[in-house]
N, C-alpha and C. Protein backbone atom coordinates (compact mmCIF):
# COMPACT_ATOMS: atom_id res chain seq x y z
N MET A 1 119.19 85.20 30.52
CA MET A 1 117.35 85.01 30.32
C MET A 1 116.59 84.94 31.91
N ASP A 2 115.95 85.84 32.20
CA ASP A 2 115.37 85.63 33.07
C ASP A 2 113.76 85.26 33.15
N PRO A 3 113.64 84.07 33.75
CA PRO A 3 111.67 83.75 32.62
C PRO A 3 110.89 83.98 33.11
N LYS A 4 111.07 84.91 35.00
CA LYS A 4 109.75 85.45 35.11
C LYS A 4 109.73 87.16 34.14
N SER A 5 110.45 87.63 33.47
CA SER A 5 109.88 88.44 32.17
C SER A 5 110.12 88.26 31.27
N THR A 6 110.40 87.20 31.12
CA THR A 6 110.13 86.47 29.17
C THR A 6 108.96 85.43 29.34
N ALA A 7 108.58 85.40 28.15
CA ALA A 7 107.42 84.80 26.92
C ALA A 7 107.81 84.59 25.71
N LEU A 8 107.25 82.66 25.73
CA LEU A 8 107.88 82.27 24.14
C LEU A 8 106.29 82.27 23.86
N VAL A 9 106.86 82.91 22.42
CA VAL A 9 105.02 83.17 21.43
C VAL A 9 105.68 82.04 20.11
N LEU A 10 104.18 80.93 20.17
CA LEU A 10 104.41 80.55 19.84
C LEU A 10 103.20 80.61 18.86
N ILE A 11 103.83 80.72 17.71
CA ILE A 11 102.53 81.53 16.21
C ILE A 11 102.41 79.71 15.09
N GLU A 12 100.81 79.95 14.72
CA GLU A 12 100.22 78.99 14.00
C GLU A 12 100.81 77.35 13.84
N PHE A 13 101.21 77.22 15.41
CA PHE A 13 101.52 75.58 15.20
C PHE A 13 99.78 74.99 15.35
N GLN A 14 99.25 75.35 13.89
CA GLN A 14 97.71 74.44 13.69
C GLN A 14 97.54 73.72 13.19
N ASN A 15 96.89 72.36 12.72
CA ASN A 15 97.27 71.19 11.89
C ASN A 15 97.26 71.93 10.43
N ASP A 16 96.61 72.41 9.63
CA ASP A 16 97.16 73.46 8.51
C ASP A 16 98.43 73.33 7.51
N PHE A 17 99.60 73.66 8.57
CA PHE A 17 100.97 73.50 8.98
C PHE A 17 101.16 72.65 9.29
N THR A 18 100.62 71.53 10.54
CA THR A 18 102.01 70.90 10.70
C THR A 18 101.62 69.42 10.96
N SER A 19 100.70 69.06 10.18
CA SER A 19 100.20 68.09 9.95
C SER A 19 99.41 67.40 9.22
N GLU A 20 99.95 66.09 8.37
CA GLU A 20 99.56 65.30 7.34
C GLU A 20 98.40 65.48 7.34
N GLY A 21 98.22 65.97 5.79
CA GLY A 21 96.49 66.02 5.94
C GLY A 21 96.11 67.50 5.89
N GLY A 22 96.92 68.66 6.49
CA GLY A 22 96.92 69.90 6.53
C GLY A 22 96.83 70.96 5.13
N THR A 23 95.99 71.88 5.34
CA THR A 23 95.50 71.65 3.78
C THR A 23 96.98 72.96 3.83
N LEU A 24 98.24 73.18 4.61
CA LEU A 24 99.26 73.95 4.38
C LEU A 24 100.37 73.07 4.18
N HIS A 25 99.74 71.96 4.69
CA HIS A 25 101.29 71.36 5.16
C HIS A 25 102.29 70.50 3.65
N GLY A 26 101.55 70.18 3.38
CA GLY A 26 102.44 70.02 1.75
C GLY A 26 104.08 71.28 1.66
N ALA A 27 103.58 72.73 1.90
CA ALA A 27 104.27 73.36 0.99
C ALA A 27 105.39 73.55 2.23
N VAL A 28 105.17 73.17 3.31
CA VAL A 28 105.99 73.41 4.54
C VAL A 28 107.10 72.55 4.86
N ALA A 29 106.33 71.10 4.32
CA ALA A 29 107.02 69.92 5.12
C ALA A 29 108.00 69.02 4.96
N ASP A 30 108.75 70.12 4.23
CA ASP A 30 110.52 70.00 3.94
C ASP A 30 111.37 70.88 4.63
N VAL A 31 110.46 71.88 4.59
CA VAL A 31 111.50 73.21 6.06
C VAL A 31 111.17 72.01 7.73
N MET A 32 110.22 71.91 7.56
CA MET A 32 109.61 70.36 8.71
C MET A 32 111.00 69.68 8.62
N ALA A 33 110.49 68.85 8.08
CA ALA A 33 111.63 67.55 8.32
C ALA A 33 113.20 68.32 8.20
N ALA A 34 113.81 69.20 7.72
CA ALA A 34 115.25 69.96 8.23
C ALA A 34 116.01 70.22 9.29
N THR A 35 114.73 70.79 9.77
CA THR A 35 114.70 71.57 11.30
C THR A 35 114.32 71.05 11.90
N ASN A 36 113.61 70.18 11.98
CA ASN A 36 112.11 69.24 13.55
C ASN A 36 111.83 70.87 14.17
N THR A 37 110.96 70.73 13.32
CA THR A 37 110.85 72.78 13.40
C THR A 37 109.77 72.53 15.11
N VAL A 38 108.75 70.93 15.03
CA VAL A 38 107.87 71.22 15.45
C VAL A 38 108.62 69.92 17.13
N GLY A 39 109.03 69.02 16.65
CA GLY A 39 110.00 68.61 17.73
C GLY A 39 110.33 70.16 18.97
N ASN A 40 111.46 71.31 18.28
CA ASN A 40 112.05 71.57 18.29
C ASN A 40 111.06 72.60 19.38
N ALA A 41 110.15 73.32 18.83
CA ALA A 41 109.67 73.52 19.40
C ALA A 41 109.00 72.95 20.70
N LYS A 42 108.17 71.67 20.90
CA LYS A 42 108.12 71.57 22.09
C LYS A 42 108.94 71.59 22.81
N THR A 43 110.07 70.89 22.67
CA THR A 43 111.29 71.33 23.14
C THR A 43 111.44 72.71 24.38
N ALA A 44 111.05 73.63 23.07
CA ALA A 44 110.97 74.93 23.93
C ALA A 44 109.88 74.86 25.11
N LEU A 45 109.07 74.78 24.33
CA LEU A 45 107.60 75.22 25.56
C LEU A 45 108.12 74.40 26.49
N GLU A 46 108.71 73.31 26.78
CA GLU A 46 108.51 72.93 28.06
C GLU A 46 109.86 72.99 28.63
N ALA A 47 110.97 73.89 28.36
CA ALA A 47 111.35 74.82 28.86
C ALA A 47 110.98 75.21 29.40
N ALA A 48 110.23 76.52 28.81
CA ALA A 48 109.22 77.71 28.68
C ALA A 48 108.62 77.03 30.78
N ARG A 49 107.47 76.13 30.46
CA ARG A 49 106.82 75.58 31.13
C ARG A 49 107.95 75.41 32.71
N ASP A 50 108.57 74.45 32.51
CA ASP A 50 109.48 73.93 33.87
C ASP A 50 110.27 75.23 34.89
N ALA A 51 110.44 76.60 33.97
CA ALA A 51 111.25 77.64 34.21
C ALA A 51 110.14 78.84 34.78
N GLY A 52 109.34 78.36 34.71
CA GLY A 52 107.75 79.33 34.49
C GLY A 52 107.58 80.74 33.58
N ALA A 53 107.98 80.77 32.47
CA ALA A 53 107.75 81.15 31.62
C ALA A 53 106.83 82.02 31.39
N ALA A 54 105.94 82.93 30.40
CA ALA A 54 105.45 82.94 30.28
C ALA A 54 105.16 82.77 28.92
N VAL A 55 103.49 81.49 28.75
CA VAL A 55 103.79 81.00 27.30
C VAL A 55 102.27 81.05 26.92
N ILE A 56 102.47 81.97 25.56
CA ILE A 56 101.34 82.69 24.53
C ILE A 56 101.42 81.83 22.98
N HIS A 57 99.80 81.35 23.14
CA HIS A 57 100.04 80.65 21.79
C HIS A 57 99.22 81.82 20.96
N SER A 58 99.72 82.09 19.67
CA SER A 58 98.90 82.58 18.44
C SER A 58 98.60 81.92 17.23
N PRO A 59 97.48 81.55 17.20
CA PRO A 59 96.72 81.01 16.31
C PRO A 59 96.00 82.14 15.04
N ILE A 60 96.42 81.73 13.70
CA ILE A 60 94.92 82.92 13.46
C ILE A 60 93.57 81.59 12.51
N SER A 61 92.78 82.37 12.26
CA SER A 61 91.57 82.03 12.18
C SER A 61 90.61 82.49 11.79
N PHE A 62 89.24 81.84 10.73
CA PHE A 62 88.90 82.80 10.53
C PHE A 62 87.31 81.88 9.92
N ALA A 63 86.12 83.03 10.00
CA ALA A 63 85.21 82.29 9.86
C ALA A 63 84.72 81.81 9.09
N PRO A 64 83.93 80.66 8.52
CA PRO A 64 83.70 79.92 7.36
C PRO A 64 83.45 81.76 6.34
N GLY A 65 83.76 81.91 5.52
CA GLY A 65 84.02 82.70 4.13
C GLY A 65 84.72 83.87 4.33
N TYR A 66 85.41 83.73 5.30
CA TYR A 66 86.70 85.06 5.60
C TYR A 66 86.11 86.25 5.50
N TYR A 67 85.01 86.00 6.06
CA TYR A 67 84.32 88.04 5.59
C TYR A 67 85.23 89.08 6.64
N GLU A 68 86.67 88.66 7.84
CA GLU A 68 87.12 89.26 8.27
C GLU A 68 88.07 89.87 7.91
N ILE A 69 88.34 89.40 6.12
CA ILE A 69 88.72 90.24 5.69
C ILE A 69 88.80 90.92 4.20
N SER A 70 89.74 91.43 3.06
CA SER A 70 89.27 91.89 2.09
C SER A 70 88.25 90.68 1.42
N ALA A 71 87.62 90.93 0.34
CA ALA A 71 86.90 90.37 -0.85
C ALA A 71 87.59 89.84 -1.36
N HIS A 72 88.31 90.48 -2.18
CA HIS A 72 89.82 90.11 -3.27
C HIS A 72 91.26 90.18 -2.25
N PRO A 73 91.11 89.56 -1.20
CA PRO A 73 92.31 89.74 -0.73
C PRO A 73 93.94 88.95 -1.75
N TYR A 74 94.61 89.36 -0.99
CA TYR A 74 96.48 89.51 -2.32
C TYR A 74 97.21 88.82 -1.54
N GLY A 75 98.46 88.47 -2.18
CA GLY A 75 99.60 87.61 -1.25
C GLY A 75 99.39 86.46 -0.20
N ILE A 76 100.00 86.61 1.01
CA ILE A 76 100.19 85.51 1.67
C ILE A 76 98.25 84.84 1.53
N LEU A 77 97.69 85.86 1.83
CA LEU A 77 96.10 85.61 2.66
C LEU A 77 95.20 85.12 1.50
N ALA A 78 95.53 85.50 0.11
CA ALA A 78 95.19 84.81 -1.17
C ALA A 78 95.09 83.46 -1.22
N GLY A 79 96.39 82.81 -0.68
CA GLY A 79 96.67 81.62 -0.52
C GLY A 79 95.74 81.02 0.15
N VAL A 80 95.54 81.58 1.92
CA VAL A 80 95.95 81.24 2.29
C VAL A 80 92.88 80.83 2.40
N VAL A 81 92.98 81.61 1.64
CA VAL A 81 91.24 81.96 0.87
C VAL A 81 91.88 80.15 -0.01
N SER A 82 92.33 80.49 -0.44
CA SER A 82 91.90 79.60 -1.99
C SER A 82 92.32 78.07 -1.16
N SER A 83 92.90 77.79 -0.84
CA SER A 83 93.61 76.97 0.04
C SER A 83 92.12 76.62 1.51
N ASN A 84 91.12 77.45 1.42
CA ASN A 84 90.46 77.27 2.68
C ASN A 84 91.25 76.93 4.04
N SER A 85 92.37 77.39 4.49
CA SER A 85 92.57 77.29 5.46
C SER A 85 92.45 77.88 6.55
N PHE A 86 92.87 77.27 7.86
CA PHE A 86 92.18 77.94 9.51
C PHE A 86 90.82 78.11 9.79
N VAL A 87 89.57 77.41 9.16
CA VAL A 87 89.15 77.77 9.08
C VAL A 87 88.21 77.14 11.16
N LYS A 88 87.37 78.19 11.70
CA LYS A 88 86.97 78.11 12.93
C LYS A 88 86.52 76.69 12.38
N GLY A 89 86.16 75.88 14.44
CA GLY A 89 85.31 74.93 14.19
C GLY A 89 86.14 73.63 13.70
N THR A 90 86.77 73.39 12.09
CA THR A 90 87.69 72.87 11.75
C THR A 90 89.10 71.99 12.18
N TRP A 91 89.26 70.75 11.90
CA TRP A 91 90.41 70.55 12.87
C TRP A 91 91.45 71.21 11.91
N GLY A 92 91.77 71.11 11.28
CA GLY A 92 92.86 72.28 10.30
C GLY A 92 93.50 73.27 11.29
N CYS A 93 92.43 74.12 11.81
CA CYS A 93 92.85 75.52 12.91
C CYS A 93 92.83 74.99 14.10
N GLU A 94 92.85 73.61 14.74
CA GLU A 94 93.17 73.68 16.03
C GLU A 94 94.87 73.38 16.17
N ILE A 95 95.46 73.46 17.45
CA ILE A 95 96.81 73.74 17.96
C ILE A 95 97.65 72.38 17.84
N VAL A 96 98.15 71.97 16.87
CA VAL A 96 98.57 70.72 17.01
C VAL A 96 98.95 70.14 18.22
N GLY A 97 98.71 68.28 18.91
CA GLY A 97 98.59 68.53 20.07
C GLY A 97 100.26 68.21 20.74
N ASP A 98 101.00 68.26 20.03
CA ASP A 98 102.57 68.21 20.64
C ASP A 98 102.60 69.39 21.45
N VAL A 99 101.91 70.55 20.88
CA VAL A 99 102.51 72.02 21.65
C VAL A 99 101.21 72.71 22.27
N ALA A 100 100.36 71.91 22.30
CA ALA A 100 99.26 72.85 22.33
C ALA A 100 98.67 73.04 24.00
N PRO A 101 97.66 74.28 24.31
CA PRO A 101 98.14 75.07 25.13
C PRO A 101 97.88 74.37 26.37
N GLY A 102 98.82 74.64 27.61
CA GLY A 102 98.02 73.85 28.82
C GLY A 102 97.79 74.83 29.94
N ASP A 103 97.92 74.18 31.00
CA ASP A 103 96.79 75.19 32.37
C ASP A 103 97.58 76.45 31.94
N GLY A 104 96.63 77.69 32.03
CA GLY A 104 97.19 78.56 32.64
C GLY A 104 98.06 79.69 31.18
N GLU A 105 98.27 78.84 30.52
CA GLU A 105 98.73 79.60 29.11
C GLU A 105 98.28 80.03 27.87
N ILE A 106 98.17 81.30 27.67
CA ILE A 106 97.80 82.54 27.03
C ILE A 106 96.94 81.61 25.88
N VAL A 107 95.46 82.10 24.72
CA VAL A 107 95.67 81.65 23.41
C VAL A 107 95.32 83.12 23.11
N LEU A 108 96.07 83.85 21.75
CA LEU A 108 95.63 84.80 21.22
C LEU A 108 94.10 84.96 20.43
N GLU A 109 93.55 85.45 20.77
CA GLU A 109 92.02 85.78 19.84
C GLU A 109 91.93 86.91 18.74
N GLY A 110 91.88 86.45 17.73
CA GLY A 110 91.51 87.82 17.21
C GLY A 110 92.59 87.86 15.89
N LYS A 111 93.32 86.69 15.62
CA LYS A 111 94.74 87.07 15.04
C LYS A 111 93.40 86.81 13.53
N ARG A 112 94.22 87.73 12.55
CA ARG A 112 93.64 87.92 10.86
C ARG A 112 94.61 87.86 10.09
N GLY A 113 96.04 88.40 10.55
CA GLY A 113 96.37 89.14 9.26
C GLY A 113 98.02 88.23 9.96
N LEU A 114 99.05 88.89 9.44
CA LEU A 114 100.56 88.20 9.35
C LEU A 114 101.21 88.87 11.26
N ASP A 115 100.91 89.50 11.82
CA ASP A 115 101.61 90.31 12.65
C ASP A 115 101.04 90.03 13.82
N ALA A 116 101.24 88.95 14.93
CA ALA A 116 100.98 89.27 15.84
C ALA A 116 100.50 89.75 17.01
N PHE A 117 100.94 90.78 16.74
CA PHE A 117 100.21 92.09 17.52
C PHE A 117 99.16 92.97 16.87
N GLY A 118 99.15 92.82 15.67
CA GLY A 118 98.45 93.42 15.11
C GLY A 118 96.86 93.77 15.01
N SER A 119 96.16 92.47 15.58
CA SER A 119 94.09 92.12 15.46
C SER A 119 94.23 91.65 16.89
N THR A 120 95.15 91.87 17.64
CA THR A 120 95.05 91.11 19.30
C THR A 120 95.49 92.16 20.53
N ASN A 121 95.13 91.89 21.26
CA ASN A 121 95.93 92.40 22.83
C ASN A 121 97.44 91.89 22.65
N LEU A 122 98.06 91.40 22.15
CA LEU A 122 98.86 90.98 22.61
C LEU A 122 100.16 91.57 23.22
N ASP A 123 100.07 93.36 22.90
CA ASP A 123 100.75 94.14 23.61
C ASP A 123 100.55 94.32 25.18
N PHE A 124 99.31 93.69 25.02
CA PHE A 124 98.65 94.69 26.31
C PHE A 124 99.25 93.44 27.20
N ILE A 125 98.53 92.28 26.68
CA ILE A 125 99.37 91.04 27.71
C ILE A 125 100.77 91.01 28.12
N LEU A 126 102.17 91.35 26.59
CA LEU A 126 103.13 91.34 27.58
C LEU A 126 103.53 92.30 28.47
N ARG A 127 102.81 93.39 28.55
CA ARG A 127 103.00 94.32 29.25
C ARG A 127 102.76 94.28 30.43
N SER A 128 101.26 93.77 30.50
CA SER A 128 100.48 93.66 31.83
C SER A 128 101.77 92.49 32.97
N LYS A 129 102.13 91.53 31.70
CA LYS A 129 102.52 91.06 32.79
C LYS A 129 104.24 90.87 32.95
N GLY A 130 105.12 92.08 32.83
CA GLY A 130 105.96 92.45 33.19
C GLY A 130 106.88 91.69 32.09
N ILE A 131 106.32 91.67 30.89
CA ILE A 131 107.79 90.93 30.29
C ILE A 131 108.47 91.75 29.31
N LYS A 132 109.84 91.42 29.38
CA LYS A 132 110.60 92.53 28.66
C LYS A 132 111.59 91.43 27.46
N THR A 133 111.24 90.45 27.66
CA THR A 133 112.06 88.99 26.57
C THR A 133 110.95 88.71 25.76
N VAL A 134 110.89 88.63 24.79
CA VAL A 134 110.04 88.24 23.59
C VAL A 134 110.89 87.04 23.00
N VAL A 135 110.61 85.74 22.98
CA VAL A 135 110.96 84.95 21.94
C VAL A 135 109.87 83.87 20.99
N LEU A 136 110.60 84.28 19.74
CA LEU A 136 109.39 83.87 19.03
C LEU A 136 109.79 82.44 17.73
N ALA A 137 108.52 81.38 17.76
CA ALA A 137 108.70 80.20 17.02
C ALA A 137 108.02 80.29 16.49
N GLY A 138 107.16 79.44 15.02
CA GLY A 138 105.97 78.86 14.55
C GLY A 138 106.04 79.55 12.66
N PHE A 139 105.35 79.59 12.14
CA PHE A 139 105.67 79.82 10.86
C PHE A 139 104.38 81.29 10.28
N LEU A 140 104.72 81.57 9.53
CA LEU A 140 105.91 80.90 8.48
C LEU A 140 107.56 81.81 9.21
N THR A 141 108.38 81.16 9.12
CA THR A 141 109.61 82.38 9.08
C THR A 141 109.84 83.73 8.58
N ASN A 142 109.13 84.42 7.07
CA ASN A 142 109.38 84.92 6.39
C ASN A 142 108.81 85.43 6.62
N CYS A 143 107.31 84.94 7.09
CA CYS A 143 105.93 86.29 7.09
C CYS A 143 105.89 86.65 8.73
N CYS A 144 104.66 85.49 9.39
CA CYS A 144 103.95 85.91 11.20
C CYS A 144 105.37 85.55 11.54
N VAL A 145 106.08 84.78 11.71
CA VAL A 145 106.94 85.62 12.37
C VAL A 145 108.08 86.51 12.25
N GLU A 146 107.93 86.43 10.74
CA GLU A 146 109.21 87.84 10.63
C GLU A 146 108.68 89.44 11.17
N SER A 147 106.76 89.29 10.93
CA SER A 147 106.37 90.58 11.07
C SER A 147 106.45 90.29 12.59
N THR A 148 105.95 89.70 13.65
CA THR A 148 106.52 89.57 14.56
C THR A 148 107.01 90.31 15.65
N MET A 149 108.12 89.19 14.94
CA MET A 149 109.53 90.06 15.17
C MET A 149 109.77 91.57 15.02
N ARG A 150 109.40 91.34 13.80
CA ARG A 150 110.05 93.23 13.39
C ARG A 150 109.20 94.52 14.49
N SER A 151 107.84 93.80 14.66
CA SER A 151 106.77 94.58 15.75
C SER A 151 107.53 94.80 16.91
N ALA A 152 107.77 93.68 17.60
CA ALA A 152 108.37 93.55 18.96
C ALA A 152 109.79 94.76 19.08
N TYR A 153 110.32 93.58 18.01
CA TYR A 153 111.71 94.82 17.98
C TYR A 153 111.19 96.08 18.18
N GLU A 154 110.74 97.04 17.79
CA GLU A 154 109.72 98.53 17.37
C GLU A 154 109.02 98.94 18.88
N LYS A 155 108.52 98.20 19.67
CA LYS A 155 107.68 98.31 20.59
C LYS A 155 108.68 98.14 21.97
N GLY A 156 110.31 97.66 21.87
CA GLY A 156 111.17 98.13 22.41
C GLY A 156 111.27 96.92 23.17
N PHE A 157 111.08 96.08 23.52
CA PHE A 157 110.66 93.83 23.73
C PHE A 157 112.60 93.55 23.16
N GLU A 158 112.86 92.96 23.97
CA GLU A 158 114.03 92.16 23.64
C GLU A 158 113.90 90.80 22.66
N VAL A 159 114.24 90.84 21.35
CA VAL A 159 113.55 90.30 20.77
C VAL A 159 114.32 88.98 20.80
N TYR A 160 114.03 87.91 20.25
CA TYR A 160 114.79 86.13 20.12
C TYR A 160 113.77 85.85 19.13
N THR A 161 114.77 84.60 18.49
CA THR A 161 113.86 83.62 17.05
C THR A 161 114.43 82.74 17.54
N LEU A 162 113.76 81.62 17.78
CA LEU A 162 114.41 80.19 17.60
C LEU A 162 114.48 79.46 15.96
N THR A 163 116.14 79.50 15.22
CA THR A 163 115.59 79.58 14.60
C THR A 163 115.27 78.42 13.71
N ASP A 164 115.48 77.27 14.57
CA ASP A 164 114.91 75.54 14.28
C ASP A 164 113.86 75.14 14.89
N ALA A 165 113.22 76.54 15.54
CA ALA A 165 111.72 76.22 15.90
C ALA A 165 110.73 77.03 14.71
N VAL A 166 111.06 77.32 13.57
CA VAL A 166 110.38 77.85 12.35
C VAL A 166 110.29 77.09 11.24
N GLY A 167 109.14 77.65 10.44
CA GLY A 167 109.15 76.99 9.09
C GLY A 167 108.55 77.67 7.92
N ALA A 168 109.60 77.09 6.56
CA ALA A 168 108.59 78.50 5.63
C ALA A 168 108.80 77.66 4.50
N THR A 169 108.05 77.73 3.47
CA THR A 169 107.49 77.10 2.33
C THR A 169 108.99 76.71 1.18
N SER A 170 110.04 77.10 1.46
CA SER A 170 110.42 76.47 0.86
C SER A 170 112.15 76.52 2.04
N LEU A 171 113.33 76.01 1.57
CA LEU A 171 114.37 76.17 2.57
C LEU A 171 114.75 77.29 1.66
N GLU A 172 114.92 77.24 0.94
CA GLU A 172 115.46 79.27 0.58
C GLU A 172 115.50 80.26 0.12
N GLU A 173 113.83 80.10 1.01
CA GLU A 173 113.28 81.32 1.91
C GLU A 173 113.50 81.54 3.32
N HIS A 174 113.57 80.32 3.88
CA HIS A 174 114.45 80.27 5.52
C HIS A 174 114.69 80.63 5.26
N ALA A 175 116.31 79.76 4.79
CA ALA A 175 117.66 80.12 5.16
C ALA A 175 117.61 82.11 5.47
N ASN A 176 117.03 82.21 3.51
CA ASN A 176 118.08 83.24 3.72
C ASN A 176 117.05 84.64 4.57
N ALA A 177 115.82 84.24 5.02
CA ALA A 177 115.22 85.24 6.19
C ALA A 177 115.89 84.88 7.46
N ILE A 178 116.56 84.16 7.76
CA ILE A 178 117.91 83.73 9.16
C ILE A 178 119.00 84.69 9.15
N LYS A 179 118.96 84.23 7.83
CA LYS A 179 120.21 85.04 7.89
C LYS A 179 120.71 86.55 7.31
N TYR A 180 119.90 87.49 6.27
CA TYR A 180 119.78 88.29 6.52
C TYR A 180 118.57 89.78 7.14
N ASP A 181 117.15 88.36 7.45
CA ASP A 181 116.08 89.66 8.20
C ASP A 181 116.83 89.48 9.71
N TYR A 182 116.21 88.11 10.19
CA TYR A 182 116.68 87.84 11.61
C TYR A 182 117.70 89.04 12.51
N PRO A 183 118.65 89.01 11.81
CA PRO A 183 120.00 89.47 12.69
C PRO A 183 119.46 91.79 12.75
N MET A 184 118.09 91.72 12.38
CA MET A 184 118.22 92.61 11.93
C MET A 184 117.68 93.80 13.08
N PHE A 185 116.37 92.18 13.59
CA PHE A 185 114.79 93.63 14.06
C PHE A 185 115.47 91.65 15.65
N SER A 186 116.19 91.20 15.41
CA SER A 186 115.72 89.79 17.01
C SER A 186 117.26 89.74 17.20
N LYS A 187 117.40 88.27 18.36
CA LYS A 187 119.12 87.87 18.21
C LYS A 187 118.27 85.96 17.99
N PRO A 188 118.92 85.84 16.79
CA PRO A 188 118.83 84.73 16.32
C PRO A 188 119.57 83.36 17.33
N ILE A 189 118.81 82.02 17.86
CA ILE A 189 119.69 81.04 18.46
C ILE A 189 118.67 79.88 17.87
N THR A 190 119.39 79.16 18.83
CA THR A 190 118.46 77.77 18.71
C THR A 190 117.95 76.93 19.59
N THR A 191 117.34 76.54 19.65
CA THR A 191 116.36 75.79 20.49
C THR A 191 117.18 75.46 22.17
N ASP A 192 118.31 75.06 21.51
CA ASP A 192 119.27 74.75 22.82
C ASP A 192 119.95 75.39 23.52
N GLU A 193 120.36 76.88 22.64
CA GLU A 193 121.38 77.90 23.23
C GLU A 193 119.48 78.63 24.25
N PHE A 194 118.26 78.34 23.88
CA PHE A 194 117.16 79.33 24.89
C PHE A 194 116.86 78.65 25.49
N VAL A 195 117.09 76.98 25.64
CA VAL A 195 116.85 75.99 26.93
C VAL A 195 117.81 76.57 27.73
N ALA A 196 119.72 76.96 27.00
CA ALA A 196 120.40 76.83 28.58
C ALA A 196 120.78 78.14 28.65
N ALA A 197 120.26 79.33 28.40
CA ALA A 197 119.64 80.66 29.00
C ALA A 197 119.07 80.92 29.52
N LEU A 198 117.37 80.76 29.57
CA LEU A 198 116.83 79.76 30.08
C LEU A 198 116.82 79.30 31.29
N SER A 199 117.90 78.59 31.59
CA SER A 199 117.90 77.51 32.83
C SER A 199 119.52 78.73 33.65
N GLY A 200 119.69 79.52 32.79
CA GLY A 200 121.14 80.20 33.40
C GLY A 200 122.60 79.67 33.05
N ASP A 201 122.54 78.99 31.97
CA ASP A 201 123.71 78.54 31.63
C ASP A 201 124.01 79.72 30.32
N VAL A 202 124.70 80.87 31.11
CA VAL A 202 125.36 81.32 30.60
C VAL A 202 126.11 81.33 29.61
N THR A 203 127.02 80.01 29.84
CA THR A 203 128.41 80.11 29.72
C THR A 203 127.85 78.84 27.48
N ALA A 204 126.90 78.81 27.84
CA ALA A 204 126.51 78.38 25.82
C ALA A 204 126.61 79.14 25.17
N ASP A 205 126.34 80.09 25.31
CA ASP A 205 127.05 81.21 23.63
C ASP A 205 127.19 82.81 24.58
N ALA A 206 128.43 83.34 24.98
CA ALA A 206 128.31 84.30 26.05
C ALA A 206 128.57 85.35 24.77
N SER A 207 128.99 84.79 23.80
CA SER A 207 128.86 86.20 22.11
C SER A 207 127.74 86.35 22.28
N ARG A 208 126.34 86.12 22.80
CA ARG A 208 124.75 86.73 22.06
C ARG A 208 124.76 87.30 23.40
N GLY A 209 125.27 87.52 24.12
CA GLY A 209 125.25 88.59 25.43
C GLY A 209 123.43 88.59 26.54
N TYR A 210 123.75 87.22 26.92
CA TYR A 210 122.42 86.18 27.69
C TYR A 210 122.70 85.87 28.46
């Protein structure tokens, strides 16, 4: 994995998900504990920084009142609105300190839905930086991460997903997405495998093709 053409995209590592007291933390706490989601993301982030890979943070945010979306949301966004999550200017909307953006790292603006490509300039950023390989981590395993994964795959990027640095609202949903969906649209790997591949240790898992 060539760091010069690789980007680590961290999706919604925000307090409302990641931290005690966050509006949606209770929903993902069990999976986070089982996978060490934030700890593994921090390891991946530090490895990307050390290797010189691009790092892109993809938070979701809304103005108070959620006027950017439908007045009658359904599905996952209905849950966001009813729990008053990811409101601009609040603690819950902030990126958690363990994976907070560093100097020179990009923080996407305008994410209002599931797919990180959907309402942002992520595609432009990746292509302008010569990125060919996209590595994903974040929340939710079967929602925003999977939506972004599918788009990246369709757009022709080489896509990896960090199976132990993603989190969902149940262990069943998490495992199902990783087992059945992720291999269709990405190359699922662990954080340790990502670190090894990024450092050039191709013996870590030659069967995966990097």
